[in-house]
Amino acid sequence: MKKICCLFFTILFSLLSLGTGACTTKGDSYSLTSFGSPVYIEVYDKTLTEQVKEEISSLLLSLENEFSVSNENSVVYKLNNGLPYTLSNRAIDVFALSKEYWAFTDAKFNPAVYPLNELWCFGVGNQVEKEDFIPPTQDKIDQILQSNVLDFSAFIIENNQVIKNPNQKIDLGGMLKGYACDLVMNILLDNGYTSGYVSMGNSSICLLKAEKLALRHPLDKSKLILTLDTSKEQNASVSTSGDYEKYYDYDGKRYSHIIDANVGKPYDTGIKSATVICKDGAFADALTTALCLSNYNTNDINNCELTHLIKKILEKYPDASVYAIYERDGVKKIITNEQVNKDFSLLDHSFSIVNI
């Protein structure tokens, strides 16, 4: 069996290019849709059997049926609408993880922010055409901020039941793609696949084996900003979040789908994109949202939210890689724990590197 010797593709909400060289004669791909987003699986060492495809499809369908905010049979829908429900063991585990990530990120990852997502027209089923978007009034924002529905500490699992504010609505979308991506990768590994990748909505990717990973430029989607050496990564998860794919523009200002629950508005920290590579897809997924919401102080990098969170991530996962791309008022920084020209190559030299 020939091994893949070069895998190159681009992440950041959209897969731009992939090349395998002339290294493999066996390979296969499979695509489907889950949670309203495209899912793409590609392997290089052998073909995907119908049994494996069916196992992947069934898994993703079961996750959607259990955790979708719009599926009337899902436990999340029932919780949000005050309907009777039964928690599965998987639901208990996922809810427990969501509380763990909320606590780890000091509430920056917050599944209870969903009422604000709806208010800003990012909720499932209430998006509008970009030209029709009008920001909500401050009065409407204040109504939600003052209602305590954003306090995820009130969400408690006890005796296989959820205790929460009755008016609280949650959305686990900020971690589910990474969670699902890991489970699909496990199916591939269990069935003997060793090289390839899984892409969930193109913002969460699992790498069975890859040589290089390229990140799209957050200020110009037609360009790349970094190429990463991932030759030592195996069975790793990659997640990216940013402000330039899901957003509305109004009166010269961009409003991202990532909402800051502290102020009730789309985030405005200057972090244009954040990428995490580690062994836990759900965790990486939640962390990229939290990194985007973390303030960065260019004058005191050692005492700001972004630096503190990156250090905290590396304490938990010493082998993780973190890349936060910052731009504000002409100041351009890439804040990372990795070394330029060793772990990654910089393609836009208008950015300077800040090592944590």
Protein backbone atom coordinates (compact mmCIF):
# COMPACT_ATOMS: atom_id res chain seq x y z
CA MET A 1 0.00 0.00 0.00
CA LYS A 2 1.42 3.36 -0.98
CA LYS A 3 1.40 6.11 1.61
CA ILE A 4 0.41 9.69 0.90
CA CYS A 5 3.59 11.78 0.81
CA CYS A 6 2.16 15.26 0.44
CA LEU A 7 -1.26 16.55 1.41
CA PHE A 8 -1.87 20.28 1.04
CA PHE A 9 -5.17 22.01 1.63
CA THR A 10 -6.60 25.19 2.98
CA ILE A 11 -8.90 25.74 5.92
CA LEU A 12 -10.79 28.78 7.12
CA PHE A 13 -14.41 28.18 6.30
CA SER A 14 -13.64 27.05 2.74
CA LEU A 15 -11.47 24.37 1.23
CA LEU A 16 -9.42 26.11 -1.44
CA SER A 17 -7.00 23.57 -2.82
CA LEU A 18 -5.89 20.05 -2.32
CA GLY A 19 -3.12 18.12 -4.01
CA THR A 20 -1.70 14.70 -3.34
CA GLY A 21 1.09 14.74 -5.85
CA ALA A 22 1.54 11.41 -7.56
CA CYS A 23 1.85 9.49 -4.35
CA THR A 24 -1.26 7.40 -4.16
CA THR A 25 -3.28 5.27 -6.52
CA LYS A 26 -6.05 4.36 -4.11
CA GLY A 27 -8.40 6.89 -2.64
CA ASP A 28 -12.00 7.91 -2.27
CA SER A 29 -14.23 10.72 -1.13
CA TYR A 30 -17.71 11.14 0.29
CA SER A 31 -19.79 14.26 0.78
CA LEU A 32 -23.06 14.98 2.56
CA THR A 33 -24.75 17.72 4.57
CA SER A 34 -25.11 17.95 8.35
CA PHE A 35 -26.43 20.80 10.51
CA GLY A 36 -26.98 22.72 7.27
CA SER A 37 -23.27 22.65 6.41
CA PRO A 38 -21.27 20.64 3.87
CA VAL A 39 -19.34 17.65 5.14
CA TYR A 40 -16.48 16.28 3.06
CA ILE A 41 -14.44 13.16 3.73
CA GLU A 42 -11.42 12.22 1.66
CA VAL A 43 -9.11 9.25 2.18
CA TYR A 44 -6.04 8.17 0.26
CA ASP A 45 -5.07 4.65 1.27
CA LYS A 46 -8.16 2.73 0.16
CA THR A 47 -11.72 3.20 -0.98
CA LEU A 48 -14.60 4.01 1.37
CA THR A 49 -16.93 1.06 1.76
CA GLU A 50 -20.69 1.49 1.70
CA GLN A 51 -20.76 0.27 5.29
CA VAL A 52 -18.41 3.06 6.39
CA LYS A 53 -20.39 5.66 4.46
CA GLU A 54 -23.60 4.48 6.07
CA GLU A 55 -22.01 4.51 9.53
CA ILE A 56 -20.87 8.11 9.01
CA SER A 57 -24.23 9.19 7.63
CA SER A 58 -26.13 7.55 10.49
CA LEU A 59 -23.86 9.14 13.08
CA LEU A 60 -24.28 12.66 11.71
CA LEU A 61 -28.02 12.25 11.35
CA SER A 62 -28.31 11.07 14.94
CA LEU A 63 -26.29 14.08 16.16
CA GLU A 64 -28.47 16.46 14.19
CA ASN A 65 -31.64 14.80 15.47
CA GLU A 66 -30.40 15.17 19.04
CA PHE A 67 -28.77 18.61 19.10
CA SER A 68 -30.24 20.74 16.31
CA VAL A 69 -31.90 23.95 17.52
CA SER A 70 -34.50 23.68 14.75
CA ASN A 71 -35.36 19.95 14.80
CA GLU A 72 -38.57 19.66 16.84
CA ASN A 73 -37.56 16.20 18.05
CA SER A 74 -34.14 17.23 19.35
CA VAL A 75 -33.41 17.57 23.04
CA VAL A 76 -32.05 21.09 22.44
CA TYR A 77 -35.26 22.21 20.74
CA LYS A 78 -37.34 20.73 23.52
CA LEU A 79 -35.21 22.38 26.20
CA ASN A 80 -35.47 25.72 24.43
CA ASN A 81 -39.22 25.46 24.10
CA GLY A 82 -40.16 23.99 27.49
CA LEU A 83 -41.20 20.60 26.11
CA PRO A 84 -40.76 17.19 27.78
CA TYR A 85 -37.49 15.49 26.92
CA THR A 86 -35.27 12.54 27.73
CA LEU A 87 -31.52 12.95 28.06
CA SER A 88 -29.40 10.26 26.46
CA ASN A 89 -25.99 9.42 27.87
CA ARG A 90 -24.48 11.22 24.89
CA ALA A 91 -26.53 14.35 25.58
CA ILE A 92 -25.38 14.33 29.20
CA ASP A 93 -21.76 14.06 28.05
CA VAL A 94 -22.12 16.86 25.46
CA PHE A 95 -23.85 19.18 27.94
CA ALA A 96 -21.15 18.43 30.50
CA LEU A 97 -18.48 19.31 27.93
CA SER A 98 -20.24 22.56 27.12
CA LYS A 99 -20.14 23.54 30.79
CA GLU A 100 -16.47 22.56 30.98
CA TYR A 101 -15.59 24.74 27.97
CA TRP A 102 -17.70 27.62 29.31
CA ALA A 103 -15.79 27.50 32.60
CA PHE A 104 -12.39 27.05 30.93
CA THR A 105 -12.87 30.11 28.71
CA ASP A 106 -14.29 32.29 31.51
CA ALA A 107 -17.69 32.28 29.79
CA LYS A 108 -16.38 33.46 26.40
CA PHE A 109 -17.67 30.23 24.90
CA ASN A 110 -21.31 30.55 25.90
CA PRO A 111 -24.04 28.29 24.46
CA ALA A 112 -26.65 30.53 26.14
CA VAL A 113 -25.88 33.40 23.77
CA TYR A 114 -28.48 32.07 21.29
CA PRO A 115 -31.12 34.78 22.02
CA LEU A 116 -28.55 37.34 20.86
CA ASN A 117 -27.81 35.26 17.76
CA GLU A 118 -31.50 35.42 16.93
CA LEU A 119 -31.67 39.14 17.64
CA TRP A 120 -28.75 39.80 15.28
CA CYS A 121 -30.30 37.59 12.55
CA PHE A 122 -27.79 34.76 12.91
CA GLY A 123 -30.23 32.24 14.39
CA VAL A 124 -31.31 29.18 12.47
CA GLY A 125 -34.10 30.21 10.13
CA ASN A 126 -33.97 33.97 10.76
CA GLN A 127 -31.00 35.04 8.65
CA VAL A 128 -31.68 37.86 6.20
CA GLU A 129 -30.15 38.94 2.93
CA LYS A 130 -27.06 41.04 3.59
CA GLU A 131 -28.57 44.07 1.93
CA ASP A 132 -31.64 43.82 4.19
CA PHE A 133 -29.77 43.72 7.49
CA ILE A 134 -30.42 46.46 10.07
CA PRO A 135 -28.73 46.24 13.52
CA PRO A 136 -31.12 45.86 16.45
CA THR A 137 -31.77 48.82 18.70
CA GLN A 138 -29.92 49.22 21.99
CA ASP A 139 -33.23 48.85 23.82
CA LYS A 140 -33.71 45.36 22.39
CA ILE A 141 -30.13 44.43 23.23
CA ASP A 142 -30.58 45.73 26.79
CA GLN A 143 -33.76 43.68 27.23
CA ILE A 144 -31.79 40.49 26.68
CA LEU A 145 -28.78 41.62 28.71
CA GLN A 146 -31.00 42.43 31.68
CA SER A 147 -33.05 39.22 31.54
CA ASN A 148 -30.33 36.84 32.88
CA VAL A 149 -30.95 34.39 30.03
CA LEU A 150 -27.28 34.62 29.01
CA ASP A 151 -26.02 33.23 32.32
CA PHE A 152 -24.90 29.70 31.48
CA SER A 153 -24.01 29.05 35.11
CA ALA A 154 -27.74 28.51 35.62
CA PHE A 155 -27.54 25.50 33.27
CA ILE A 156 -27.03 22.46 35.49
CA ILE A 157 -27.40 18.72 34.84
CA GLU A 158 -28.86 16.89 37.81
CA ASN A 159 -30.40 13.39 37.95
CA ASN A 160 -30.44 13.16 34.13
CA GLN A 161 -32.39 16.41 33.91
CA VAL A 162 -31.41 19.97 33.02
CA ILE A 163 -31.97 22.82 35.43
CA LYS A 164 -31.91 26.23 33.72
CA ASN A 165 -33.60 29.58 33.46
CA PRO A 166 -37.01 28.78 31.89
CA ASN A 167 -36.54 31.50 29.27
CA GLN A 168 -33.01 30.46 28.41
CA LYS A 169 -32.22 29.15 24.93
CA ILE A 170 -29.01 27.33 24.07
CA ASP A 171 -27.16 26.45 20.91
CA LEU A 172 -24.24 24.00 20.91
CA GLY A 173 -23.17 24.88 17.37
CA GLY A 174 -19.95 26.41 18.68
CA MET A 175 -18.61 22.98 19.59
CA LEU A 176 -20.68 20.42 17.69
CA LYS A 177 -18.80 20.51 14.39
CA GLY A 178 -15.55 19.73 16.15
CA TYR A 179 -17.26 17.07 18.25
CA ALA A 180 -18.83 15.45 15.18
CA CYS A 181 -15.60 15.70 13.19
CA ASP A 182 -13.73 13.71 15.84
CA LEU A 183 -16.40 10.99 15.86
CA VAL A 184 -16.25 10.66 12.07
CA MET A 185 -12.46 10.45 12.23
CA ASN A 186 -12.77 7.67 14.82
CA ILE A 187 -14.99 5.72 12.42
CA LEU A 188 -12.31 6.00 9.74
CA LEU A 189 -9.56 4.96 12.15
CA ASP A 190 -11.59 2.00 13.41
CA ASN A 191 -11.96 0.84 9.83
CA GLY A 192 -8.26 1.00 9.03
CA TYR A 193 -7.95 4.34 7.21
CA THR A 194 -4.69 6.13 7.99
CA SER A 195 -4.43 9.14 5.66
CA GLY A 196 -6.90 11.78 4.59
CA TYR A 197 -9.15 14.28 6.33
CA VAL A 198 -12.68 15.09 7.45
CA SER A 199 -14.09 18.59 6.92
CA MET A 200 -17.18 19.71 8.82
CA GLY A 201 -18.54 22.96 7.45
CA ASN A 202 -14.94 23.76 6.46
CA SER A 203 -14.31 25.45 9.83
CA SER A 204 -13.53 22.17 11.64
CA ILE A 205 -11.18 19.61 10.11
CA CYS A 206 -9.67 16.39 11.38
CA LEU A 207 -6.38 15.28 9.87
CA LEU A 208 -5.58 11.60 9.74
CA LYS A 209 -2.27 12.49 8.13
CA ALA A 210 -1.14 15.67 6.39
CA GLU A 211 2.11 17.33 5.46
CA LYS A 212 1.02 20.96 5.16
CA LEU A 213 -1.94 23.08 6.08
CA ALA A 214 -2.54 26.54 4.65
CA LEU A 215 -4.67 29.24 6.28
CA ARG A 216 -6.73 31.63 4.25
CA HIS A 217 -5.99 35.32 4.63
CA PRO A 218 -8.71 36.92 6.81
CA LEU A 219 -8.36 40.29 5.05
CA ASP A 220 -8.37 38.89 1.51
CA LYS A 221 -10.14 35.58 0.95
CA SER A 222 -8.40 35.10 -2.40
CA LYS A 223 -5.03 34.78 -0.64
CA LEU A 224 -3.28 32.66 1.95
CA ILE A 225 -1.55 34.05 5.02
CA LEU A 226 0.31 31.03 6.46
CA THR A 227 1.40 27.56 5.52
CA LEU A 228 1.82 25.25 8.49
CA ASP A 229 4.07 22.23 8.78
CA THR A 230 1.74 19.49 10.03
CA SER A 231 3.97 16.55 9.10
CA LYS A 232 4.25 15.58 12.77
CA GLU A 233 0.50 15.84 13.32
CA GLN A 234 -1.54 12.67 13.18
CA ASN A 235 -5.20 12.25 14.04
CA ALA A 236 -5.31 15.93 14.97
CA SER A 237 -8.24 18.36 14.98
CA VAL A 238 -8.13 21.83 13.49
CA SER A 239 -10.68 24.58 14.07
CA THR A 240 -10.84 28.15 12.78
CA SER A 241 -13.20 31.01 13.58
CA GLY A 242 -13.20 34.57 12.32
CA ASP A 243 -15.21 37.64 11.42
CA TYR A 244 -15.17 37.50 7.64
CA GLU A 245 -17.33 34.62 6.45
CA LYS A 246 -20.57 34.88 8.41
CA TYR A 247 -21.30 38.56 8.85
CA TYR A 248 -23.41 41.54 7.86
CA ASP A 249 -22.17 44.95 6.76
CA TYR A 250 -24.12 48.04 7.73
CA ASP A 251 -23.15 51.68 7.36
CA GLY A 252 -19.48 50.79 6.85
CA LYS A 253 -19.21 48.48 9.86
CA ARG A 254 -18.93 44.70 9.91
CA TYR A 255 -21.07 42.65 12.30
CA SER A 256 -19.78 39.10 12.82
CA HIS A 257 -21.83 36.06 13.82
CA ILE A 258 -19.66 35.71 16.95
CA ILE A 259 -21.54 37.60 19.66
CA ASP A 260 -20.02 39.06 22.83
CA ALA A 261 -22.48 38.23 25.60
CA ASN A 262 -21.03 40.94 27.82
CA VAL A 263 -22.18 43.77 25.57
CA GLY A 264 -24.82 41.99 23.48
CA LYS A 265 -23.12 42.78 20.17
CA PRO A 266 -20.87 41.10 17.61
CA TYR A 267 -17.30 41.00 18.85
CA ASP A 268 -14.83 43.77 18.06
CA THR A 269 -11.47 42.73 19.50
CA GLY A 270 -9.40 43.04 16.33
CA ILE A 271 -8.86 39.26 16.17
CA LYS A 272 -9.71 38.58 12.54
CA SER A 273 -9.27 34.83 12.83
CA ALA A 274 -8.16 32.24 15.37
CA THR A 275 -6.97 28.71 14.67
CA VAL A 276 -6.33 25.89 17.14
CA ILE A 277 -4.75 22.53 16.35
CA CYS A 278 -4.98 19.89 19.08
CA LYS A 279 -6.25 16.37 19.77
CA ASP A 280 -9.78 17.42 20.82
CA GLY A 281 -12.05 18.77 18.08
CA ALA A 282 -14.90 19.94 20.29
CA PHE A 283 -12.47 21.75 22.57
CA ALA A 284 -10.65 23.36 19.61
CA ASP A 285 -14.00 24.44 18.16
CA ALA A 286 -15.04 26.17 21.38
CA LEU A 287 -11.61 27.71 21.88
CA THR A 288 -11.47 29.50 18.53
CA THR A 289 -14.69 31.34 19.41
CA ALA A 290 -13.27 32.26 22.82
CA LEU A 291 -9.99 33.47 21.28
CA CYS A 292 -11.85 35.78 18.91
CA LEU A 293 -13.68 37.25 21.92
CA SER A 294 -10.46 37.83 23.87
CA ASN A 295 -9.10 41.35 24.01
CA TYR A 296 -5.53 41.89 22.84
CA ASN A 297 -3.40 44.75 24.13
CA THR A 298 -0.58 45.58 21.71
CA ASN A 299 1.13 47.69 24.39
CA ASP A 300 1.03 45.04 27.12
CA ILE A 301 0.86 41.63 25.49
CA ASN A 302 1.65 39.76 28.70
CA ASN A 303 -1.36 41.14 30.53
CA CYS A 304 -4.31 40.75 28.21
CA GLU A 305 -7.12 38.22 27.79
CA LEU A 306 -5.77 36.73 24.58
CA THR A 307 -2.32 35.94 25.99
CA HIS A 308 -3.77 34.51 29.18
CA LEU A 309 -6.12 32.22 27.26
CA ILE A 310 -3.38 30.98 24.91
CA LYS A 311 -1.17 30.15 27.88
CA LYS A 312 -4.07 28.37 29.54
CA ILE A 313 -4.66 26.29 26.39
CA LEU A 314 -1.01 25.30 26.26
CA GLU A 315 -1.06 24.24 29.89
CA LYS A 316 -3.89 21.83 29.09
CA TYR A 317 -2.52 20.74 25.70
CA PRO A 318 1.25 21.42 25.55
CA ASP A 319 1.40 20.09 21.98
CA ALA A 320 -1.37 22.39 20.71
CA SER A 321 -0.76 25.07 18.09
CA VAL A 322 -2.54 28.41 18.32
CA TYR A 323 -2.63 31.19 15.72
CA ALA A 324 -4.52 34.44 16.36
CA ILE A 325 -4.46 36.97 13.53
CA TYR A 326 -4.95 40.56 14.66
CA GLU A 327 -5.51 43.74 12.66
CA ARG A 328 -6.66 47.13 13.88
CA ASP A 329 -5.80 50.66 12.74
CA GLY A 330 -3.03 49.35 10.52
CA VAL A 331 -1.39 47.28 13.27
CA LYS A 332 -1.04 43.70 12.06
CA LYS A 333 0.07 40.87 14.34
CA ILE A 334 0.05 37.07 14.36
CA ILE A 335 0.08 35.85 17.94
CA THR A 336 1.25 32.25 18.22
CA ASN A 337 3.21 29.74 20.25
CA GLU A 338 4.88 28.37 17.11
CA GLN A 339 8.10 29.49 15.39
CA VAL A 340 8.17 31.16 11.99
CA ASN A 341 10.33 29.41 9.37
CA LYS A 342 10.29 26.29 11.52
CA ASP A 343 6.68 25.40 12.26
CA PHE A 344 5.08 27.70 9.70
CA SER A 345 5.87 30.05 6.81
CA LEU A 346 4.52 33.60 6.71
CA LEU A 347 3.15 34.62 3.32
CA ASP A 348 2.12 38.19 4.15
CA HIS A 349 5.09 40.06 5.59
CA SER A 350 3.02 43.11 6.51
CA PHE A 351 2.19 41.07 9.65
CA SER A 352 4.69 40.75 12.47
CA ILE A 353 4.96 37.68 14.67
CA VAL A 354 4.35 37.80 18.42
CA ASN A 355 5.43 34.64 20.23
CA ILE A 356 3.69 33.52 23.39
